[in-house]
């Protein structure tokens, strides 16, 4: 199953990051990362990018997001996605 991991963060803060900081993705945390069961991340931050991961289960996608790094700010939202191929049968 394909999942999009959407990366949210404050754009002004991200613009001030060093190259090393910019290379790391953050997840919302307060010591231990917080996983919220909901339709979307409750955030006023901007969508700065996303990853597409191929994982067998939602739990595996959550674990992939955890492996991206931990931080004190920012959020990752995980959504299932489907591949659309224009012109394919049934499309």
PDB file of N, CA and C in Angstrom:
ATOM      1  N   UNK A   1       0.848  -1.167   0.000  1.00  0.00           N
ATOM      2  CA  UNK A   1       0.000   0.000   0.000  1.00  0.00           C
ATOM      3  C   UNK A   1       0.897   1.234   0.000  1.00  0.00           C
ATOM      4  N   UNK A   2       0.499   2.223  -0.784  1.00  0.00           N
ATOM      5  CA  UNK A   2       1.246   3.474  -0.817  1.00  0.00           C
ATOM      6  C   UNK A   2       0.659   4.458   0.198  1.00  0.00           C
ATOM      7  N   UNK A   3       1.541   5.167   0.886  1.00  0.00           N
ATOM      8  CA  UNK A   3       1.132   6.196   1.840  1.00  0.00           C
ATOM      9  C   UNK A   3       1.920   7.464   1.549  1.00  0.00           C
ATOM     10  N   UNK A   4       1.248   8.597   1.650  1.00  0.00           N
ATOM     11  CA  UNK A   4       1.921   9.892   1.589  1.00  0.00           C
ATOM     12  C   UNK A   4       2.185  10.326   3.025  1.00  0.00           C
ATOM     13  N   UNK A   5       3.402  10.737   3.294  1.00  0.00           N
ATOM     14  CA  UNK A   5       3.746  11.313   4.595  1.00  0.00           C
ATOM     15  C   UNK A   5       3.973  12.797   4.338  1.00  0.00           C
ATOM     16  N   UNK A   6       2.981  13.603   4.736  1.00  0.00           N
ATOM     17  CA  UNK A   6       2.994  15.044   4.500  1.00  0.00           C
ATOM     18  C   UNK A   6       3.745  15.739   5.631  1.00  0.00           C
ATOM     19  N   UNK A   7       4.647  16.637   5.287  1.00  0.00           N
ATOM     20  CA  UNK A   7       5.504  17.302   6.271  1.00  0.00           C
ATOM     21  C   UNK A   7       5.060  18.749   6.460  1.00  0.00           C
ATOM     22  N   UNK A   8       4.648  19.066   7.681  1.00  0.00           N
ATOM     23  CA  UNK A   8       4.214  20.417   8.023  1.00  0.00           C
ATOM     24  C   UNK A   8       5.206  21.054   8.983  1.00  0.00           C
ATOM     25  N   UNK A   9       5.450  22.356   8.805  1.00  0.00           N
ATOM     26  CA  UNK A   9       6.310  23.082   9.731  1.00  0.00           C
ATOM     27  C   UNK A   9       6.136  24.571   9.462  1.00  0.00           C
ATOM     28  N   UNK A  10       6.577  25.396  10.396  1.00  0.00           N
ATOM     29  CA  UNK A  10       6.539  26.843  10.238  1.00  0.00           C
ATOM     30  C   UNK A  10       7.586  27.244   9.204  1.00  0.00           C
ATOM     31  N   UNK A  11       7.132  27.887   8.129  1.00  0.00           N
ATOM     32  CA  UNK A  11       8.019  28.205   7.014  1.00  0.00           C
ATOM     33  C   UNK A  11       9.160  29.143   7.410  1.00  0.00           C
ATOM     34  N   UNK A  12       8.888  30.134   8.259  1.00  0.00           N
ATOM     35  CA  UNK A  12       9.941  31.056   8.694  1.00  0.00           C
ATOM     36  C   UNK A  12      11.021  30.331   9.487  1.00  0.00           C
ATOM     37  N   UNK A  13      10.612  29.413  10.349  1.00  0.00           N
ATOM     38  CA  UNK A  13      11.578  28.651  11.143  1.00  0.00           C
ATOM     39  C   UNK A  13      12.419  27.756  10.244  1.00  0.00           C
ATOM     40  N   UNK A  14      11.773  27.102   9.281  1.00  0.00           N
ATOM     41  CA  UNK A  14      12.484  26.194   8.378  1.00  0.00           C
ATOM     42  C   UNK A  14      13.500  26.960   7.527  1.00  0.00           C
ATOM     43  N   UNK A  15      13.152  28.179   7.115  1.00  0.00           N
ATOM     44  CA  UNK A  15      14.066  28.984   6.296  1.00  0.00           C
ATOM     45  C   UNK A  15      15.352  29.326   7.041  1.00  0.00           C
ATOM     46  N   UNK A  16      15.299  29.334   8.365  1.00  0.00           N
ATOM     47  CA  UNK A  16      16.465  29.671   9.178  1.00  0.00           C
ATOM     48  C   UNK A  16      17.333  28.459   9.526  1.00  0.00           C
ATOM     49  N   UNK A  17      16.913  27.253   9.136  1.00  0.00           N
ATOM     50  CA  UNK A  17      17.663  26.042   9.469  1.00  0.00           C
ATOM     51  C   UNK A  17      19.005  25.995   8.747  1.00  0.00           C
ATOM     52  N   UNK A  18      19.981  25.322   9.382  1.00  0.00           N
ATOM     53  CA  UNK A  18      21.253  25.025   8.721  1.00  0.00           C
ATOM     54  C   UNK A  18      21.011  23.913   7.711  1.00  0.00           C
ATOM     55  N   UNK A  19      22.013  23.621   6.886  1.00  0.00           N
ATOM     56  CA  UNK A  19      21.882  22.523   5.918  1.00  0.00           C
ATOM     57  C   UNK A  19      21.606  21.187   6.614  1.00  0.00           C
ATOM     58  N   UNK A  20      22.280  20.954   7.751  1.00  0.00           N
ATOM     59  CA  UNK A  20      22.098  19.712   8.487  1.00  0.00           C
ATOM     60  C   UNK A  20      20.677  19.627   9.055  1.00  0.00           C
ATOM     61  N   UNK A  21      20.190  20.735   9.609  1.00  0.00           N
ATOM     62  CA  UNK A  21      18.827  20.750  10.152  1.00  0.00           C
ATOM     63  C   UNK A  21      17.800  20.554   9.048  1.00  0.00           C
ATOM     64  N   UNK A  22      18.056  21.151   7.884  1.00  0.00           N
ATOM     65  CA  UNK A  22      17.123  21.043   6.766  1.00  0.00           C
ATOM     66  C   UNK A  22      17.044  19.618   6.233  1.00  0.00           C
ATOM     67  N   UNK A  23      18.123  18.840   6.402  1.00  0.00           N
ATOM     68  CA  UNK A  23      18.150  17.467   5.897  1.00  0.00           C
ATOM     69  C   UNK A  23      17.316  16.521   6.767  1.00  0.00           C
ATOM     70  N   UNK A  24      16.962  16.934   7.976  1.00  0.00           N
ATOM     71  CA  UNK A  24      16.194  16.082   8.897  1.00  0.00           C
ATOM     72  C   UNK A  24      14.706  16.460   8.847  1.00  0.00           C
ATOM     73  N   UNK A  25      13.832  15.484   8.928  1.00  0.00           N
ATOM     74  CA  UNK A  25      12.362  15.713   8.990  1.00  0.00           C
ATOM     75  C   UNK A  25      11.948  15.606  10.443  1.00  0.00           C
ATOM     76  N   UNK A  26      11.057  16.472  10.877  1.00  0.00           N
ATOM     77  CA  UNK A  26      10.611  16.453  12.267  1.00  0.00           C
ATOM     78  C   UNK A  26       9.228  15.851  12.383  1.00  0.00           C
ATOM     79  N   UNK A  27       8.934  15.297  13.532  1.00  0.00           N
ATOM     80  CA  UNK A  27       7.596  14.817  13.864  1.00  0.00           C
ATOM     81  C   UNK A  27       7.177  15.495  15.155  1.00  0.00           C
ATOM     82  N   UNK A  28       5.880  15.719  15.330  1.00  0.00           N
ATOM     83  CA  UNK A  28       5.401  16.356  16.553  1.00  0.00           C
ATOM     84  C   UNK A  28       5.744  15.444  17.716  1.00  0.00           C
ATOM     85  N   UNK A  29       6.331  16.049  18.725  1.00  0.00           N
ATOM     86  CA  UNK A  29       6.714  15.237  19.868  1.00  0.00           C
ATOM     87  C   UNK A  29       6.667  16.059  21.133  1.00  0.00           C
ATOM     88  N   UNK A  30       6.643  15.374  22.212  1.00  0.00           N
ATOM     89  CA  UNK A  30       6.735  15.952  23.539  1.00  0.00           C
ATOM     90  C   UNK A  30       7.496  14.944  24.357  1.00  0.00           C
ATOM     91  N   UNK A  31       8.639  14.567  23.890  1.00  0.00           N
ATOM     92  CA  UNK A  31       9.402  13.474  24.471  1.00  0.00           C
ATOM     93  C   UNK A  31       9.231  12.254  23.589  1.00  0.00           C
ATOM     94  N   UNK A  32       8.052  11.695  23.579  1.00  0.00           N
ATOM     95  CA  UNK A  32       7.701  10.545  22.737  1.00  0.00           C
ATOM     96  C   UNK A  32       6.808  11.071  21.602  1.00  0.00           C
ATOM     97  N   UNK A  33       7.052  10.686  20.330  1.00  0.00           N
ATOM     98  CA  UNK A  33       6.211  11.180  19.234  1.00  0.00           C
ATOM     99  C   UNK A  33       4.738  10.878  19.491  1.00  0.00           C
ATOM    100  N   UNK A  34       3.887  11.817  19.105  1.00  0.00           N
ATOM    101  CA  UNK A  34       2.453  11.697  19.313  1.00  0.00           C
ATOM    102  C   UNK A  34       1.788  11.241  18.029  1.00  0.00           C
ATOM    103  N   UNK A  35       1.064  10.129  18.088  1.00  0.00           N
ATOM    104  CA  UNK A  35       0.304   9.635  16.947  1.00  0.00           C
ATOM    105  C   UNK A  35      -1.154   9.945  17.214  1.00  0.00           C
ATOM    106  N   UNK A  36      -1.772  10.727  16.326  1.00  0.00           N
ATOM    107  CA  UNK A  36      -3.158  11.137  16.497  1.00  0.00           C
ATOM    108  C   UNK A  36      -4.021  10.411  15.480  1.00  0.00           C
ATOM    109  N   UNK A  37      -5.100   9.792  15.939  1.00  0.00           N
ATOM    110  CA  UNK A  37      -6.035   9.119  15.048  1.00  0.00           C
ATOM    111  C   UNK A  37      -7.044  10.158  14.576  1.00  0.00           C
ATOM    112  N   UNK A  38      -6.857  10.658  13.383  1.00  0.00           N
ATOM    113  CA  UNK A  38      -7.760  11.681  12.877  1.00  0.00           C
ATOM    114  C   UNK A  38      -7.606  11.855  11.384  1.00  0.00           C
ATOM    115  N   UNK A  39      -8.486  12.621  10.805  1.00  0.00           N
ATOM    116  CA  UNK A  39      -8.442  12.783   9.348  1.00  0.00           C
ATOM    117  C   UNK A  39      -7.329  13.713   8.878  1.00  0.00           C
ATOM    118  N   UNK A  40      -6.751  14.528   9.771  1.00  0.00           N
ATOM    119  CA  UNK A  40      -5.728  15.470   9.350  1.00  0.00           C
ATOM    120  C   UNK A  40      -4.927  15.943  10.550  1.00  0.00           C
ATOM    121  N   UNK A  41      -3.760  16.502  10.278  1.00  0.00           N
ATOM    122  CA  UNK A  41      -2.941  17.083  11.347  1.00  0.00           C
ATOM    123  C   UNK A  41      -3.531  18.434  11.708  1.00  0.00           C
ATOM    124  N   UNK A  42      -3.783  18.664  12.984  1.00  0.00           N
ATOM    125  CA  UNK A  42      -4.290  19.958  13.434  1.00  0.00           C
ATOM    126  C   UNK A  42      -3.097  20.900  13.544  1.00  0.00           C
ATOM    127  N   UNK A  43      -2.917  21.723  12.523  1.00  0.00           N
ATOM    128  CA  UNK A  43      -1.744  22.572  12.475  1.00  0.00           C
ATOM    129  C   UNK A  43      -2.037  23.857  11.733  1.00  0.00           C
ATOM    130  N   UNK A  44      -1.355  24.910  12.114  1.00  0.00           N
ATOM    131  CA  UNK A  44      -1.403  26.177  11.387  1.00  0.00           C
ATOM    132  C   UNK A  44      -0.138  26.329  10.551  1.00  0.00           C
ATOM    133  N   UNK A  45       0.666  25.286  10.544  1.00  0.00           N
ATOM    134  CA  UNK A  45       1.922  25.300   9.816  1.00  0.00           C
ATOM    135  C   UNK A  45       1.670  25.020   8.330  1.00  0.00           C
ATOM    136  N   UNK A  46       2.671  25.311   7.526  1.00  0.00           N
ATOM    137  CA  UNK A  46       2.566  25.109   6.088  1.00  0.00           C
ATOM    138  C   UNK A  46       3.011  23.706   5.696  1.00  0.00           C
ATOM    139  N   UNK A  47       2.393  23.203   4.625  1.00  0.00           N
ATOM    140  CA  UNK A  47       2.844  21.945   4.026  1.00  0.00           C
ATOM    141  C   UNK A  47       4.115  22.255   3.263  1.00  0.00           C
ATOM    142  N   UNK A  48       5.233  21.680   3.687  1.00  0.00           N
ATOM    143  CA  UNK A  48       6.521  21.978   3.075  1.00  0.00           C
ATOM    144  C   UNK A  48       7.005  20.883   2.130  1.00  0.00           C
ATOM    145  N   UNK A  49       6.358  19.740   2.150  1.00  0.00           N
ATOM    146  CA  UNK A  49       6.767  18.664   1.264  1.00  0.00           C
ATOM    147  C   UNK A  49       6.149  17.358   1.699  1.00  0.00           C
ATOM    148  N   UNK A  50       6.476  16.294   0.976  1.00  0.00           N
ATOM    149  CA  UNK A  50       5.929  14.992   1.329  1.00  0.00           C
ATOM    150  C   UNK A  50       6.821  13.878   0.806  1.00  0.00           C
ATOM    151  N   UNK A  51       6.633  12.716   1.387  1.00  0.00           N
ATOM    152  CA  UNK A  51       7.280  11.482   0.946  1.00  0.00           C
ATOM    153  C   UNK A  51       6.189  10.518   0.543  1.00  0.00           C
ATOM    154  N   UNK A  52       6.479   9.635  -0.396  1.00  0.00           N
ATOM    155  CA  UNK A  52       5.601   8.512  -0.720  1.00  0.00           C
ATOM    156  C   UNK A  52       6.354   7.255  -0.286  1.00  0.00           C
ATOM    157  N   UNK A  53       5.715   6.462   0.572  1.00  0.00           N
ATOM    158  CA  UNK A  53       6.337   5.229   1.054  1.00  0.00           C
ATOM    159  C   UNK A  53       5.443   4.044   0.699  1.00  0.00           C
ATOM    160  N   UNK A  54       6.047   2.910   0.481  1.00  0.00           N
ATOM    161  CA  UNK A  54       5.322   1.674   0.177  1.00  0.00           C
ATOM    162  C   UNK A  54       5.444   0.780   1.402  1.00  0.00           C
ATOM    163  N   UNK A  55       4.344   0.664   2.158  1.00  0.00           N
ATOM    164  CA  UNK A  55       4.348  -0.103   3.405  1.00  0.00           C
ATOM    165  C   UNK A  55       3.160  -1.065   3.400  1.00  0.00           C
ATOM    166  N   UNK A  56       3.311  -2.198   4.041  1.00  0.00           N
ATOM    167  CA  UNK A  56       2.255  -3.215   4.079  1.00  0.00           C
ATOM    168  C   UNK A  56       1.049  -2.772   4.901  1.00  0.00           C
ATOM    169  N   UNK A  57       1.285  -1.967   5.945  1.00  0.00           N
ATOM    170  CA  UNK A  57       0.193  -1.574   6.847  1.00  0.00           C
ATOM    171  C   UNK A  57       0.363  -0.119   7.258  1.00  0.00           C
ATOM    172  N   UNK A  58      -0.706   0.442   7.813  1.00  0.00           N
ATOM    173  CA  UNK A  58      -0.639   1.789   8.365  1.00  0.00           C
ATOM    174  C   UNK A  58       0.392   1.842   9.492  1.00  0.00           C
ATOM    175  N   UNK A  59       0.434   0.818  10.311  1.00  0.00           N
ATOM    176  CA  UNK A  59       1.400   0.780  11.409  1.00  0.00           C
ATOM    177  C   UNK A  59       2.833   0.859  10.882  1.00  0.00           C
ATOM    178  N   UNK A  60       3.093   0.188   9.758  1.00  0.00           N
ATOM    179  CA  UNK A  60       4.427   0.239   9.157  1.00  0.00           C
ATOM    180  C   UNK A  60       4.722   1.637   8.621  1.00  0.00           C
ATOM    181  N   UNK A  61       3.716   2.325   8.084  1.00  0.00           N
ATOM    182  CA  UNK A  61       3.896   3.703   7.603  1.00  0.00           C
ATOM    183  C   UNK A  61       4.173   4.641   8.773  1.00  0.00           C
ATOM    184  N   UNK A  62       3.485   4.442   9.894  1.00  0.00           N
ATOM    185  CA  UNK A  62       3.742   5.244  11.097  1.00  0.00           C
ATOM    186  C   UNK A  62       5.170   5.020  11.577  1.00  0.00           C
ATOM    187  N   UNK A  63       5.624   3.777  11.559  1.00  0.00           N
ATOM    188  CA  UNK A  63       7.001   3.478  11.964  1.00  0.00           C
ATOM    189  C   UNK A  63       7.997   4.144  11.009  1.00  0.00           C
ATOM    190  N   UNK A  64       7.697   4.158   9.712  1.00  0.00           N
ATOM    191  CA  UNK A  64       8.571   4.828   8.742  1.00  0.00           C
ATOM    192  C   UNK A  64       8.665   6.317   9.065  1.00  0.00           C
ATOM    193  N   UNK A  65       7.535   6.945   9.427  1.00  0.00           N
ATOM    194  CA  UNK A  65       7.542   8.366   9.796  1.00  0.00           C
ATOM    195  C   UNK A  65       8.386   8.590  11.049  1.00  0.00           C
ATOM    196  N   UNK A  66       8.276   7.674  12.003  1.00  0.00           N
ATOM    197  CA  UNK A  66       9.087   7.793  13.231  1.00  0.00           C
ATOM    198  C   UNK A  66      10.576   7.735  12.916  1.00  0.00           C
ATOM    199  N   UNK A  67      10.954   6.918  11.934  1.00  0.00           N
ATOM    200  CA  UNK A  67      12.361   6.755  11.574  1.00  0.00           C
ATOM    201  C   UNK A  67      12.920   7.984  10.868  1.00  0.00           C
ATOM    202  N   UNK A  68      12.035   8.866  10.387  1.00  0.00           N
ATOM    203  CA  UNK A  68      12.496  10.072   9.687  1.00  0.00           C
ATOM    204  C   UNK A  68      13.146  11.068  10.630  1.00  0.00           C
ATOM    205  N   UNK A  69      12.919  10.930  11.908  1.00  0.00           N
ATOM    206  CA  UNK A  69      13.563  11.811  12.873  1.00  0.00           C
ATOM    207  C   UNK A  69      12.561  12.346  13.873  1.00  0.00           C
ATOM    208  N   UNK A  70      13.065  12.819  15.003  1.00  0.00           N
ATOM    209  CA  UNK A  70      12.229  13.394  16.043  1.00  0.00           C
ATOM    210  C   UNK A  70      12.613  14.839  16.254  1.00  0.00           C
ATOM    211  N   UNK A  71      11.638  15.654  16.579  1.00  0.00           N
ATOM    212  CA  UNK A  71      11.902  17.066  16.833  1.00  0.00           C
ATOM    213  C   UNK A  71      10.920  17.614  17.840  1.00  0.00           C
ATOM    214  N   UNK A  72      11.101  18.862  18.188  1.00  0.00           N
ATOM    215  CA  UNK A  72      10.226  19.513  19.154  1.00  0.00           C
ATOM    216  C   UNK A  72       9.083  20.242  18.476  1.00  0.00           C
ATOM    217  N   UNK A  73       9.120  20.340  17.158  1.00  0.00           N
ATOM    218  CA  UNK A  73       8.058  21.054  16.458  1.00  0.00           C
ATOM    219  C   UNK A  73       7.826  20.395  15.109  1.00  0.00           C
ATOM    220  N   UNK A  74       6.793  20.846  14.426  1.00  0.00           N
ATOM    221  CA  UNK A  74       6.451  20.262  13.143  1.00  0.00           C
ATOM    222  C   UNK A  74       5.528  19.078  13.313  1.00  0.00           C
ATOM    223  N   UNK A  75       4.995  18.580  12.208  1.00  0.00           N
ATOM    224  CA  UNK A  75       4.079  17.447  12.252  1.00  0.00           C
ATOM    225  C   UNK A  75       4.173  16.659  10.959  1.00  0.00           C
ATOM    226  N   UNK A  76       3.912  15.385  11.047  1.00  0.00           N
ATOM    227  CA  UNK A  76       3.813  14.517   9.874  1.00  0.00           C
ATOM    228  C   UNK A  76       2.393  13.960   9.825  1.00  0.00           C
ATOM    229  N   UNK A  77       1.772  14.035   8.672  1.00  0.00           N
ATOM    230  CA  UNK A  77       0.428  13.493   8.462  1.00  0.00           C
ATOM    231  C   UNK A  77       0.551  12.332   7.487  1.00  0.00           C
ATOM    232  N   UNK A  78      -0.085  11.213   7.795  1.00  0.00           N
ATOM    233  CA  UNK A  78       0.027  10.021   6.954  1.00  0.00           C
ATOM    234  C   UNK A  78      -1.319   9.757   6.297  1.00  0.00           C
ATOM    235  N   UNK A  79      -1.307   9.626   4.969  1.00  0.00           N
ATOM    236  CA  UNK A  79      -2.531   9.381   4.202  1.00  0.00           C
ATOM    237  C   UNK A  79      -2.300   8.248   3.199  1.00  0.00           C
ATOM    238  N   UNK A  80      -3.274   7.325   3.075  1.00  0.00           N
ATOM    239  CA  UNK A  80      -3.157   6.311   2.023  1.00  0.00           C
ATOM    240  C   UNK A  80      -3.358   6.970   0.661  1.00  0.00           C
ATOM    241  N   UNK A  81      -2.634   6.499  -0.345  1.00  0.00           N
ATOM    242  CA  UNK A  81      -2.777   7.025  -1.706  1.00  0.00           C
ATOM    243  C   UNK A  81      -2.891   5.873  -2.691  1.00  0.00           C
ATOM    244  N   UNK A  82      -3.476   6.183  -3.837  1.00  0.00           N
ATOM    245  CA  UNK A  82      -3.543   5.209  -4.939  1.00  0.00           C
ATOM    246  C   UNK A  82      -2.816   5.771  -6.142  1.00  0.00           C
ATOM    247  N   UNK A  83      -2.236   4.917  -6.918  1.00  0.00           N
ATOM    248  CA  UNK A  83      -1.552   5.313  -8.138  1.00  0.00           C
ATOM    249  C   UNK A  83      -2.567   5.444  -9.252  1.00  0.00           C
ATOM    250  N   UNK A  84      -2.615   6.598  -9.901  1.00  0.00           N
ATOM    251  CA  UNK A  84      -3.509   6.821 -11.035  1.00  0.00           C
ATOM    252  C   UNK A  84      -2.669   6.841 -12.305  1.00  0.00           C
ATOM    253  N   UNK A  85      -3.047   5.980 -13.241  1.00  0.00           N
ATOM    254  CA  UNK A  85      -2.339   5.928 -14.515  1.00  0.00           C
ATOM    255  C   UNK A  85      -3.308   6.325 -15.616  1.00  0.00           C
ATOM    256  N   UNK A  86      -3.182   7.543 -16.154  1.00  0.00           N
ATOM    257  CA  UNK A  86      -4.084   7.988 -17.216  1.00  0.00           C
ATOM    258  C   UNK A  86      -4.078   7.024 -18.401  1.00  0.00           C
ATOM    259  N   UNK A  87      -5.258   6.723 -18.881  1.00  0.00           N
ATOM    260  CA  UNK A  87      -5.386   5.837 -20.027  1.00  0.00           C
ATOM    261  C   UNK A  87      -5.417   4.362 -19.675  1.00  0.00           C
ATOM    262  N   UNK A  88      -5.146   4.008 -18.424  1.00  0.00           N
ATOM    263  CA  UNK A  88      -5.175   2.600 -18.012  1.00  0.00           C
ATOM    264  C   UNK A  88      -6.610   2.118 -17.982  1.00  0.00           C
ATOM    265  N   UNK A  89      -6.825   0.841 -18.198  1.00  0.00           N
ATOM    266  CA  UNK A  89      -8.176   0.260 -18.170  1.00  0.00           C
ATOM    267  C   UNK A  89      -8.828   0.544 -16.823  1.00  0.00           C
ATOM    268  N   UNK A  90     -10.068   1.009 -16.838  1.00  0.00           N
ATOM    269  CA  UNK A  90     -10.802   1.287 -15.618  1.00  0.00           C
ATOM    270  C   UNK A  90     -10.545   2.664 -15.065  1.00  0.00           C
ATOM    271  N   UNK A  91      -9.657   3.432 -15.719  1.00  0.00           N
ATOM    272  CA  UNK A  91      -9.338   4.784 -15.218  1.00  0.00           C
ATOM    273  C   UNK A  91     -10.342   5.802 -15.678  1.00  0.00           C
TER     274      UNK A  91
END
